[in-house]
Amino acid sequence: LPGIVGLNNIKANDYANAVLQALSNVPRG
């Protein structure tokens, strides 16, 4: 489903991935 897509966890970037995925689904975003 476009917009509900996984982000690669390169090493220890899951904290940033979670934020980026949340922002991708904010209407203003």
mmCIF file of all heavy atoms, coordinates in Angstrom:
data_MODEL
# 
_entry.id   MODEL 
# 
loop_
_atom_site.group_PDB 
_atom_site.id 
_atom_site.type_symbol 
_atom_site.label_atom_id 
_atom_site.label_alt_id 
_atom_site.label_comp_id 
_atom_site.label_asym_id 
_atom_site.label_entity_id 
_atom_site.label_seq_id 
_atom_site.pdbx_PDB_ins_code 
_atom_site.Cartn_x 
_atom_site.Cartn_y 
_atom_site.Cartn_z 
_atom_site.occupancy 
_atom_site.B_iso_or_equiv 
_atom_site.pdbx_formal_charge 
_atom_site.auth_seq_id 
_atom_site.auth_comp_id 
_atom_site.auth_asym_id 
_atom_site.auth_atom_id 
_atom_site.pdbx_PDB_model_num 
ATOM 1   N N   . LEU A 1 1  ? 0.858  -1.173 0.000  1.00 0.00 ? 1  LEU A N   1 
ATOM 2   C CA  . LEU A 1 1  ? 0.000  0.000  0.000  1.00 0.00 ? 1  LEU A CA  1 
ATOM 3   C C   . LEU A 1 1  ? 0.903  1.233  0.000  1.00 0.00 ? 1  LEU A C   1 
ATOM 4   O O   . LEU A 1 1  ? 1.675  1.436  0.943  1.00 0.00 ? 1  LEU A O   1 
ATOM 5   C CB  . LEU A 1 1  ? -0.896 0.002  1.234  1.00 0.00 ? 1  LEU A CB  1 
ATOM 6   C CG  . LEU A 1 1  ? -1.987 1.081  1.303  1.00 0.00 ? 1  LEU A CG  1 
ATOM 7   C CD1 . LEU A 1 1  ? -3.003 0.885  0.176  1.00 0.00 ? 1  LEU A CD1 1 
ATOM 8   C CD2 . LEU A 1 1  ? -2.681 1.038  2.663  1.00 0.00 ? 1  LEU A CD2 1 
ATOM 9   N N   . PRO A 1 2  ? 0.885  2.055  -1.047 1.00 0.00 ? 2  PRO A N   1 
ATOM 10  C CA  . PRO A 1 2  ? 1.730  3.252  -1.074 1.00 0.00 ? 2  PRO A CA  1 
ATOM 11  C C   . PRO A 1 2  ? 1.564  4.086  0.191  1.00 0.00 ? 2  PRO A C   1 
ATOM 12  O O   . PRO A 1 2  ? 0.450  4.321  0.652  1.00 0.00 ? 2  PRO A O   1 
ATOM 13  C CB  . PRO A 1 2  ? 1.225  4.004  -2.319 1.00 0.00 ? 2  PRO A CB  1 
ATOM 14  C CG  . PRO A 1 2  ? 0.732  2.919  -3.217 1.00 0.00 ? 2  PRO A CG  1 
ATOM 15  C CD  . PRO A 1 2  ? 0.091  1.914  -2.297 1.00 0.00 ? 2  PRO A CD  1 
ATOM 16  N N   . GLY A 1 3  ? 2.675  4.498  0.757  1.00 0.00 ? 3  GLY A N   1 
ATOM 17  C CA  . GLY A 1 3  ? 2.651  5.240  2.005  1.00 0.00 ? 3  GLY A CA  1 
ATOM 18  C C   . GLY A 1 3  ? 2.844  4.350  3.210  1.00 0.00 ? 3  GLY A C   1 
ATOM 19  O O   . GLY A 1 3  ? 3.264  4.809  4.274  1.00 0.00 ? 3  GLY A O   1 
ATOM 20  N N   . ILE A 1 4  ? 2.534  3.058  3.061  1.00 0.00 ? 4  ILE A N   1 
ATOM 21  C CA  . ILE A 1 4  ? 2.743  2.083  4.137  1.00 0.00 ? 4  ILE A CA  1 
ATOM 22  C C   . ILE A 1 4  ? 3.827  1.138  3.648  1.00 0.00 ? 4  ILE A C   1 
ATOM 23  O O   . ILE A 1 4  ? 3.583  -0.001 3.251  1.00 0.00 ? 4  ILE A O   1 
ATOM 24  C CB  . ILE A 1 4  ? 1.449  1.302  4.476  1.00 0.00 ? 4  ILE A CB  1 
ATOM 25  C CG1 . ILE A 1 4  ? 0.277  2.262  4.643  1.00 0.00 ? 4  ILE A CG1 1 
ATOM 26  C CG2 . ILE A 1 4  ? 1.652  0.470  5.728  1.00 0.00 ? 4  ILE A CG2 1 
ATOM 27  C CD1 . ILE A 1 4  ? 0.427  3.238  5.791  1.00 0.00 ? 4  ILE A CD1 1 
ATOM 28  N N   . VAL A 1 5  ? 5.052  1.639  3.658  1.00 0.00 ? 5  VAL A N   1 
ATOM 29  C CA  . VAL A 1 5  ? 6.177  0.927  3.059  1.00 0.00 ? 5  VAL A CA  1 
ATOM 30  C C   . VAL A 1 5  ? 7.312  0.853  4.066  1.00 0.00 ? 5  VAL A C   1 
ATOM 31  O O   . VAL A 1 5  ? 7.571  1.812  4.797  1.00 0.00 ? 5  VAL A O   1 
ATOM 32  C CB  . VAL A 1 5  ? 6.661  1.658  1.776  1.00 0.00 ? 5  VAL A CB  1 
ATOM 33  C CG1 . VAL A 1 5  ? 7.851  0.959  1.167  1.00 0.00 ? 5  VAL A CG1 1 
ATOM 34  C CG2 . VAL A 1 5  ? 5.529  1.742  0.762  1.00 0.00 ? 5  VAL A CG2 1 
ATOM 35  N N   . GLY A 1 6  ? 7.985  -0.270 4.110  1.00 0.00 ? 6  GLY A N   1 
ATOM 36  C CA  . GLY A 1 6  ? 9.089  -0.442 5.043  1.00 0.00 ? 6  GLY A CA  1 
ATOM 37  C C   . GLY A 1 6  ? 10.315 0.371  4.651  1.00 0.00 ? 6  GLY A C   1 
ATOM 38  O O   . GLY A 1 6  ? 10.551 0.627  3.481  1.00 0.00 ? 6  GLY A O   1 
ATOM 39  N N   . LEU A 1 7  ? 11.090 0.764  5.671  1.00 0.00 ? 7  LEU A N   1 
ATOM 40  C CA  . LEU A 1 7  ? 12.366 1.438  5.456  1.00 0.00 ? 7  LEU A CA  1 
ATOM 41  C C   . LEU A 1 7  ? 13.483 0.510  5.924  1.00 0.00 ? 7  LEU A C   1 
ATOM 42  O O   . LEU A 1 7  ? 13.390 -0.081 7.003  1.00 0.00 ? 7  LEU A O   1 
ATOM 43  C CB  . LEU A 1 7  ? 12.431 2.751  6.239  1.00 0.00 ? 7  LEU A CB  1 
ATOM 44  C CG  . LEU A 1 7  ? 11.551 3.898  5.737  1.00 0.00 ? 7  LEU A CG  1 
ATOM 45  C CD1 . LEU A 1 7  ? 11.609 5.070  6.723  1.00 0.00 ? 7  LEU A CD1 1 
ATOM 46  C CD2 . LEU A 1 7  ? 12.009 4.357  4.368  1.00 0.00 ? 7  LEU A CD2 1 
ATOM 47  N N   . ASN A 1 8  ? 14.524 0.391  5.131  1.00 0.00 ? 8  ASN A N   1 
ATOM 48  C CA  . ASN A 1 8  ? 15.635 -0.483 5.490  1.00 0.00 ? 8  ASN A CA  1 
ATOM 49  C C   . ASN A 1 8  ? 16.273 -0.043 6.804  1.00 0.00 ? 8  ASN A C   1 
ATOM 50  O O   . ASN A 1 8  ? 16.517 1.146  7.012  1.00 0.00 ? 8  ASN A O   1 
ATOM 51  C CB  . ASN A 1 8  ? 16.707 -0.464 4.392  1.00 0.00 ? 8  ASN A CB  1 
ATOM 52  C CG  . ASN A 1 8  ? 16.230 -1.134 3.122  1.00 0.00 ? 8  ASN A CG  1 
ATOM 53  O OD1 . ASN A 1 8  ? 15.182 -1.764 3.095  1.00 0.00 ? 8  ASN A OD1 1 
ATOM 54  N ND2 . ASN A 1 8  ? 17.000 -0.992 2.061  1.00 0.00 ? 8  ASN A ND2 1 
ATOM 55  N N   . ASN A 1 9  ? 16.552 -0.999 7.665  1.00 0.00 ? 9  ASN A N   1 
ATOM 56  C CA  . ASN A 1 9  ? 17.286 -0.730 8.894  1.00 0.00 ? 9  ASN A CA  1 
ATOM 57  C C   . ASN A 1 9  ? 18.756 -0.988 8.603  1.00 0.00 ? 9  ASN A C   1 
ATOM 58  O O   . ASN A 1 9  ? 19.207 -2.124 8.586  1.00 0.00 ? 9  ASN A O   1 
ATOM 59  C CB  . ASN A 1 9  ? 16.791 -1.622 10.035 1.00 0.00 ? 9  ASN A CB  1 
ATOM 60  C CG  . ASN A 1 9  ? 17.337 -1.176 11.382 1.00 0.00 ? 9  ASN A CG  1 
ATOM 61  O OD1 . ASN A 1 9  ? 17.934 -0.115 11.490 1.00 0.00 ? 9  ASN A OD1 1 
ATOM 62  N ND2 . ASN A 1 9  ? 17.141 -1.997 12.406 1.00 0.00 ? 9  ASN A ND2 1 
ATOM 63  N N   . ILE A 1 10 ? 19.502 0.072  8.340  1.00 0.00 ? 10 ILE A N   1 
ATOM 64  C CA  . ILE A 1 10 ? 20.880 -0.058 7.906  1.00 0.00 ? 10 ILE A CA  1 
ATOM 65  C C   . ILE A 1 10 ? 21.766 -0.569 9.032  1.00 0.00 ? 10 ILE A C   1 
ATOM 66  O O   . ILE A 1 10 ? 22.593 -1.460 8.838  1.00 0.00 ? 10 ILE A O   1 
ATOM 67  C CB  . ILE A 1 10 ? 21.392 1.292  7.367  1.00 0.00 ? 10 ILE A CB  1 
ATOM 68  C CG1 . ILE A 1 10 ? 20.511 1.721  6.179  1.00 0.00 ? 10 ILE A CG1 1 
ATOM 69  C CG2 . ILE A 1 10 ? 22.862 1.221  6.949  1.00 0.00 ? 10 ILE A CG2 1 
ATOM 70  C CD1 . ILE A 1 10 ? 20.718 3.154  5.743  1.00 0.00 ? 10 ILE A CD1 1 
ATOM 71  N N   . LYS A 1 11 ? 21.608 -0.020 10.214 1.00 0.00 ? 11 LYS A N   1 
ATOM 72  C CA  . LYS A 1 11 ? 22.331 -0.536 11.380 1.00 0.00 ? 11 LYS A CA  1 
ATOM 73  C C   . LYS A 1 11 ? 21.555 -0.241 12.659 1.00 0.00 ? 11 LYS A C   1 
ATOM 74  O O   . LYS A 1 11 ? 20.985 -1.126 13.257 1.00 0.00 ? 11 LYS A O   1 
ATOM 75  C CB  . LYS A 1 11 ? 23.751 0.011  11.448 1.00 0.00 ? 11 LYS A CB  1 
ATOM 76  C CG  . LYS A 1 11 ? 24.597 -0.717 12.493 1.00 0.00 ? 11 LYS A CG  1 
ATOM 77  C CD  . LYS A 1 11 ? 26.083 -0.510 12.291 1.00 0.00 ? 11 LYS A CD  1 
ATOM 78  C CE  . LYS A 1 11 ? 26.859 -1.382 13.283 1.00 0.00 ? 11 LYS A CE  1 
ATOM 79  N NZ  . LYS A 1 11 ? 28.328 -1.186 13.145 1.00 0.00 ? 11 LYS A NZ  1 
ATOM 80  N N   . ALA A 1 12 ? 21.553 1.039  13.066 1.00 0.00 ? 12 ALA A N   1 
ATOM 81  C CA  . ALA A 1 12 ? 20.847 1.405  14.296 1.00 0.00 ? 12 ALA A CA  1 
ATOM 82  C C   . ALA A 1 12 ? 19.991 2.641  14.052 1.00 0.00 ? 12 ALA A C   1 
ATOM 83  O O   . ALA A 1 12 ? 19.939 3.548  14.873 1.00 0.00 ? 12 ALA A O   1 
ATOM 84  C CB  . ALA A 1 12 ? 21.843 1.663  15.426 1.00 0.00 ? 12 ALA A CB  1 
ATOM 85  N N   . ASN A 1 13 ? 19.320 2.647  12.905 1.00 0.00 ? 13 ASN A N   1 
ATOM 86  C CA  . ASN A 1 13 ? 18.546 3.824  12.520 1.00 0.00 ? 13 ASN A CA  1 
ATOM 87  C C   . ASN A 1 13 ? 17.043 3.625  12.644 1.00 0.00 ? 13 ASN A C   1 
ATOM 88  O O   . ASN A 1 13 ? 16.265 4.389  12.089 1.00 0.00 ? 13 ASN A O   1 
ATOM 89  C CB  . ASN A 1 13 ? 18.872 4.225  11.074 1.00 0.00 ? 13 ASN A CB  1 
ATOM 90  C CG  . ASN A 1 13 ? 18.655 3.085  10.088 1.00 0.00 ? 13 ASN A CG  1 
ATOM 91  O OD1 . ASN A 1 13 ? 19.426 2.133  10.071 1.00 0.00 ? 13 ASN A OD1 1 
ATOM 92  N ND2 . ASN A 1 13 ? 17.625 3.176  9.257  1.00 0.00 ? 13 ASN A ND2 1 
ATOM 93  N N   . ASP A 1 14 ? 16.635 2.596  13.398 1.00 0.00 ? 14 ASP A N   1 
ATOM 94  C CA  . ASP A 1 14 ? 15.202 2.335  13.512 1.00 0.00 ? 14 ASP A CA  1 
ATOM 95  C C   . ASP A 1 14 ? 14.467 3.477  14.208 1.00 0.00 ? 14 ASP A C   1 
ATOM 96  O O   . ASP A 1 14 ? 13.298 3.743  13.916 1.00 0.00 ? 14 ASP A O   1 
ATOM 97  C CB  . ASP A 1 14 ? 14.957 1.006  14.259 1.00 0.00 ? 14 ASP A CB  1 
ATOM 98  C CG  . ASP A 1 14 ? 15.740 0.892  15.552 1.00 0.00 ? 14 ASP A CG  1 
ATOM 99  O OD1 . ASP A 1 14 ? 16.936 1.217  15.536 1.00 0.00 ? 14 ASP A OD1 1 
ATOM 100 O OD2 . ASP A 1 14 ? 15.158 0.487  16.573 1.00 0.00 ? 14 ASP A OD2 1 
ATOM 101 N N   . TYR A 1 15 ? 15.124 4.188  15.125 1.00 0.00 ? 15 TYR A N   1 
ATOM 102 C CA  . TYR A 1 15 ? 14.488 5.316  15.815 1.00 0.00 ? 15 TYR A CA  1 
ATOM 103 C C   . TYR A 1 15 ? 14.126 6.418  14.813 1.00 0.00 ? 15 TYR A C   1 
ATOM 104 O O   . TYR A 1 15 ? 13.064 7.034  14.902 1.00 0.00 ? 15 TYR A O   1 
ATOM 105 C CB  . TYR A 1 15 ? 15.411 5.867  16.907 1.00 0.00 ? 15 TYR A CB  1 
ATOM 106 C CG  . TYR A 1 15 ? 16.591 6.660  16.387 1.00 0.00 ? 15 TYR A CG  1 
ATOM 107 C CD1 . TYR A 1 15 ? 16.559 8.051  16.321 1.00 0.00 ? 15 TYR A CD1 1 
ATOM 108 C CD2 . TYR A 1 15 ? 17.750 6.019  15.941 1.00 0.00 ? 15 TYR A CD2 1 
ATOM 109 C CE1 . TYR A 1 15 ? 17.634 8.780  15.841 1.00 0.00 ? 15 TYR A CE1 1 
ATOM 110 C CE2 . TYR A 1 15 ? 18.831 6.732  15.461 1.00 0.00 ? 15 TYR A CE2 1 
ATOM 111 C CZ  . TYR A 1 15 ? 18.774 8.113  15.408 1.00 0.00 ? 15 TYR A CZ  1 
ATOM 112 O OH  . TYR A 1 15 ? 19.839 8.821  14.915 1.00 0.00 ? 15 TYR A OH  1 
ATOM 113 N N   . ALA A 1 16 ? 15.011 6.646  13.848 1.00 0.00 ? 16 ALA A N   1 
ATOM 114 C CA  . ALA A 1 16 ? 14.745 7.661  12.830 1.00 0.00 ? 16 ALA A CA  1 
ATOM 115 C C   . ALA A 1 16 ? 13.709 7.160  11.829 1.00 0.00 ? 16 ALA A C   1 
ATOM 116 O O   . ALA A 1 16 ? 12.848 7.926  11.371 1.00 0.00 ? 16 ALA A O   1 
ATOM 117 C CB  . ALA A 1 16 ? 16.043 8.040  12.113 1.00 0.00 ? 16 ALA A CB  1 
ATOM 118 N N   . ASN A 1 17 ? 13.773 5.878  11.467 1.00 0.00 ? 17 ASN A N   1 
ATOM 119 C CA  . ASN A 1 17 ? 12.804 5.304  10.532 1.00 0.00 ? 17 ASN A CA  1 
ATOM 120 C C   . ASN A 1 17 ? 11.379 5.467  11.041 1.00 0.00 ? 17 ASN A C   1 
ATOM 121 O O   . ASN A 1 17 ? 10.463 5.801  10.285 1.00 0.00 ? 17 ASN A O   1 
ATOM 122 C CB  . ASN A 1 17 ? 13.095 3.813  10.316 1.00 0.00 ? 17 ASN A CB  1 
ATOM 123 C CG  . ASN A 1 17 ? 14.272 3.575  9.396  1.00 0.00 ? 17 ASN A CG  1 
ATOM 124 O OD1 . ASN A 1 17 ? 14.917 4.518  8.949  1.00 0.00 ? 17 ASN A OD1 1 
ATOM 125 N ND2 . ASN A 1 17 ? 14.567 2.318  9.116  1.00 0.00 ? 17 ASN A ND2 1 
ATOM 126 N N   . ALA A 1 18 ? 11.190 5.221  12.347 1.00 0.00 ? 18 ALA A N   1 
ATOM 127 C CA  . ALA A 1 18 ? 9.849  5.321  12.931 1.00 0.00 ? 18 ALA A CA  1 
ATOM 128 C C   . ALA A 1 18 ? 9.304  6.745  12.795 1.00 0.00 ? 18 ALA A C   1 
ATOM 129 O O   . ALA A 1 18 ? 8.131  6.950  12.457 1.00 0.00 ? 18 ALA A O   1 
ATOM 130 C CB  . ALA A 1 18 ? 9.888  4.907  14.399 1.00 0.00 ? 18 ALA A CB  1 
ATOM 131 N N   . VAL A 1 19 ? 10.160 7.734  13.018 1.00 0.00 ? 19 VAL A N   1 
ATOM 132 C CA  . VAL A 1 19 ? 9.741  9.135  12.915 1.00 0.00 ? 19 VAL A CA  1 
ATOM 133 C C   . VAL A 1 19 ? 9.429  9.492  11.467 1.00 0.00 ? 19 VAL A C   1 
ATOM 134 O O   . VAL A 1 19 ? 8.404  10.120 11.168 1.00 0.00 ? 19 VAL A O   1 
ATOM 135 C CB  . VAL A 1 19 ? 10.844 10.062 13.471 1.00 0.00 ? 19 VAL A CB  1 
ATOM 136 C CG1 . VAL A 1 19 ? 10.538 11.523 13.138 1.00 0.00 ? 19 VAL A CG1 1 
ATOM 137 C CG2 . VAL A 1 19 ? 10.978 9.881  14.978 1.00 0.00 ? 19 VAL A CG2 1 
ATOM 138 N N   . LEU A 1 20 ? 10.295 9.086  10.536 1.00 0.00 ? 20 LEU A N   1 
ATOM 139 C CA  . LEU A 1 20 ? 10.100 9.414  9.126  1.00 0.00 ? 20 LEU A CA  1 
ATOM 140 C C   . LEU A 1 20 ? 8.825  8.777  8.577  1.00 0.00 ? 20 LEU A C   1 
ATOM 141 O O   . LEU A 1 20 ? 8.087  9.391  7.803  1.00 0.00 ? 20 LEU A O   1 
ATOM 142 C CB  . LEU A 1 20 ? 11.314 8.949  8.315  1.00 0.00 ? 20 LEU A CB  1 
ATOM 143 C CG  . LEU A 1 20 ? 12.620 9.698  8.622  1.00 0.00 ? 20 LEU A CG  1 
ATOM 144 C CD1 . LEU A 1 20 ? 13.802 9.008  7.941  1.00 0.00 ? 20 LEU A CD1 1 
ATOM 145 C CD2 . LEU A 1 20 ? 12.532 11.151 8.186  1.00 0.00 ? 20 LEU A CD2 1 
ATOM 146 N N   . GLN A 1 21 ? 8.546  7.541  8.987  1.00 0.00 ? 21 GLN A N   1 
ATOM 147 C CA  . GLN A 1 21 ? 7.322  6.880  8.525  1.00 0.00 ? 21 GLN A CA  1 
ATOM 148 C C   . GLN A 1 21 ? 6.085  7.561  9.102  1.00 0.00 ? 21 GLN A C   1 
ATOM 149 O O   . GLN A 1 21 ? 5.069  7.701  8.414  1.00 0.00 ? 21 GLN A O   1 
ATOM 150 C CB  . GLN A 1 21 ? 7.349  5.400  8.904  1.00 0.00 ? 21 GLN A CB  1 
ATOM 151 C CG  . GLN A 1 21 ? 8.289  4.592  8.017  1.00 0.00 ? 21 GLN A CG  1 
ATOM 152 C CD  . GLN A 1 21 ? 8.292  3.124  8.382  1.00 0.00 ? 21 GLN A CD  1 
ATOM 153 O OE1 . GLN A 1 21 ? 8.357  2.767  9.553  1.00 0.00 ? 21 GLN A OE1 1 
ATOM 154 N NE2 . GLN A 1 21 ? 8.242  2.259  7.389  1.00 0.00 ? 21 GLN A NE2 1 
ATOM 155 N N   . ALA A 1 22 ? 6.160  7.998  10.354 1.00 0.00 ? 22 ALA A N   1 
ATOM 156 C CA  . ALA A 1 22 ? 5.027  8.709  10.953 1.00 0.00 ? 22 ALA A CA  1 
ATOM 157 C C   . ALA A 1 22 ? 4.772  10.022 10.213 1.00 0.00 ? 22 ALA A C   1 
ATOM 158 O O   . ALA A 1 22 ? 3.631  10.360 9.887  1.00 0.00 ? 22 ALA A O   1 
ATOM 159 C CB  . ALA A 1 22 ? 5.297  8.965  12.438 1.00 0.00 ? 22 ALA A CB  1 
ATOM 160 N N   . LEU A 1 23 ? 5.835  10.766 9.918  1.00 0.00 ? 23 LEU A N   1 
ATOM 161 C CA  . LEU A 1 23 ? 5.686  12.048 9.225  1.00 0.00 ? 23 LEU A CA  1 
ATOM 162 C C   . LEU A 1 23 ? 5.148  11.863 7.812  1.00 0.00 ? 23 LEU A C   1 
ATOM 163 O O   . LEU A 1 23 ? 4.454  12.739 7.288  1.00 0.00 ? 23 LEU A O   1 
ATOM 164 C CB  . LEU A 1 23 ? 7.029  12.781 9.181  1.00 0.00 ? 23 LEU A CB  1 
ATOM 165 C CG  . LEU A 1 23 ? 7.551  13.314 10.516 1.00 0.00 ? 23 LEU A CG  1 
ATOM 166 C CD1 . LEU A 1 23 ? 8.935  13.929 10.339 1.00 0.00 ? 23 LEU A CD1 1 
ATOM 167 C CD2 . LEU A 1 23 ? 6.589  14.336 11.110 1.00 0.00 ? 23 LEU A CD2 1 
ATOM 168 N N   . SER A 1 24 ? 5.446  10.732 7.201  1.00 0.00 ? 24 SER A N   1 
ATOM 169 C CA  . SER A 1 24 ? 4.982  10.500 5.825  1.00 0.00 ? 24 SER A CA  1 
ATOM 170 C C   . SER A 1 24 ? 3.472  10.352 5.755  1.00 0.00 ? 24 SER A C   1 
ATOM 171 O O   . SER A 1 24 ? 2.879  10.447 4.679  1.00 0.00 ? 24 SER A O   1 
ATOM 172 C CB  . SER A 1 24 ? 5.645  9.250  5.238  1.00 0.00 ? 24 SER A CB  1 
ATOM 173 O OG  . SER A 1 24 ? 5.083  8.061  5.770  1.00 0.00 ? 24 SER A OG  1 
ATOM 174 N N   . ASN A 1 25 ? 2.849  10.131 6.900  1.00 0.00 ? 25 ASN A N   1 
ATOM 175 C CA  . ASN A 1 25 ? 1.395  9.947  6.914  1.00 0.00 ? 25 ASN A CA  1 
ATOM 176 C C   . ASN A 1 25 ? 0.652  11.075 7.617  1.00 0.00 ? 25 ASN A C   1 
ATOM 177 O O   . ASN A 1 25 ? -0.541 10.967 7.866  1.00 0.00 ? 25 ASN A O   1 
ATOM 178 C CB  . ASN A 1 25 ? 1.054  8.604  7.572  1.00 0.00 ? 25 ASN A CB  1 
ATOM 179 C CG  . ASN A 1 25 ? 1.293  7.435  6.642  1.00 0.00 ? 25 ASN A CG  1 
ATOM 180 O OD1 . ASN A 1 25 ? 0.444  7.098  5.830  1.00 0.00 ? 25 ASN A OD1 1 
ATOM 181 N ND2 . ASN A 1 25 ? 2.470  6.839  6.730  1.00 0.00 ? 25 ASN A ND2 1 
ATOM 182 N N   . VAL A 1 26 ? 1.337  12.160 7.915  1.00 0.00 ? 26 VAL A N   1 
ATOM 183 C CA  . VAL A 1 26 ? 0.678  13.358 8.442  1.00 0.00 ? 26 VAL A CA  1 
ATOM 184 C C   . VAL A 1 26 ? 0.126  14.137 7.256  1.00 0.00 ? 26 VAL A C   1 
ATOM 185 O O   . VAL A 1 26 ? 0.864  14.428 6.318  1.00 0.00 ? 26 VAL A O   1 
ATOM 186 C CB  . VAL A 1 26 ? 1.675  14.227 9.230  1.00 0.00 ? 26 VAL A CB  1 
ATOM 187 C CG1 . VAL A 1 26 ? 1.034  15.543 9.640  1.00 0.00 ? 26 VAL A CG1 1 
ATOM 188 C CG2 . VAL A 1 26 ? 2.189  13.467 10.443 1.00 0.00 ? 26 VAL A CG2 1 
ATOM 189 N N   . PRO A 1 27 ? -1.175 14.470 7.257  1.00 0.00 ? 27 PRO A N   1 
ATOM 190 C CA  . PRO A 1 27 ? -1.764 15.159 6.093  1.00 0.00 ? 27 PRO A CA  1 
ATOM 191 C C   . PRO A 1 27 ? -0.975 16.363 5.617  1.00 0.00 ? 27 PRO A C   1 
ATOM 192 O O   . PRO A 1 27 ? -0.753 16.521 4.431  1.00 0.00 ? 27 PRO A O   1 
ATOM 193 C CB  . PRO A 1 27 ? -3.163 15.556 6.604  1.00 0.00 ? 27 PRO A CB  1 
ATOM 194 C CG  . PRO A 1 27 ? -3.491 14.489 7.590  1.00 0.00 ? 27 PRO A CG  1 
ATOM 195 C CD  . PRO A 1 27 ? -2.195 14.155 8.275  1.00 0.00 ? 27 PRO A CD  1 
ATOM 196 N N   . ARG A 1 28 ? -0.510 17.229 6.540  1.00 0.00 ? 28 ARG A N   1 
ATOM 197 C CA  . ARG A 1 28 ? 0.262  18.390 6.113  1.00 0.00 ? 28 ARG A CA  1 
ATOM 198 C C   . ARG A 1 28 ? 1.575  17.944 5.488  1.00 0.00 ? 28 ARG A C   1 
ATOM 199 O O   . ARG A 1 28 ? 2.120  18.605 4.610  1.00 0.00 ? 28 ARG A O   1 
ATOM 200 C CB  . ARG A 1 28 ? 0.515  19.331 7.295  1.00 0.00 ? 28 ARG A CB  1 
ATOM 201 C CG  . ARG A 1 28 ? 1.347  20.551 6.906  1.00 0.00 ? 28 ARG A CG  1 
ATOM 202 C CD  . ARG A 1 28 ? 1.350  21.587 8.013  1.00 0.00 ? 28 ARG A CD  1 
ATOM 203 N NE  . ARG A 1 28 ? 0.109  22.327 8.076  1.00 0.00 ? 28 ARG A NE  1 
ATOM 204 C CZ  . ARG A 1 28 ? -0.156 23.385 7.326  1.00 0.00 ? 28 ARG A CZ  1 
ATOM 205 N NH1 . ARG A 1 28 ? 0.713  23.805 6.442  1.00 0.00 ? 28 ARG A NH1 1 
ATOM 206 N NH2 . ARG A 1 28 ? -1.295 24.024 7.445  1.00 0.00 ? 28 ARG A NH2 1 
ATOM 207 N N   . GLY A 1 29 ? 2.103  16.813 5.928  1.00 0.00 ? 29 GLY A N   1 
ATOM 208 C CA  . GLY A 1 29 ? 3.349  16.312 5.369  1.00 0.00 ? 29 GLY A CA  1 
ATOM 209 C C   . GLY A 1 29 ? 3.214  15.905 3.920  1.00 0.00 ? 29 GLY A C   1 
ATOM 210 O O   . GLY A 1 29 ? 4.210  15.800 3.202  1.00 0.00 ? 29 GLY A O   1 
# 
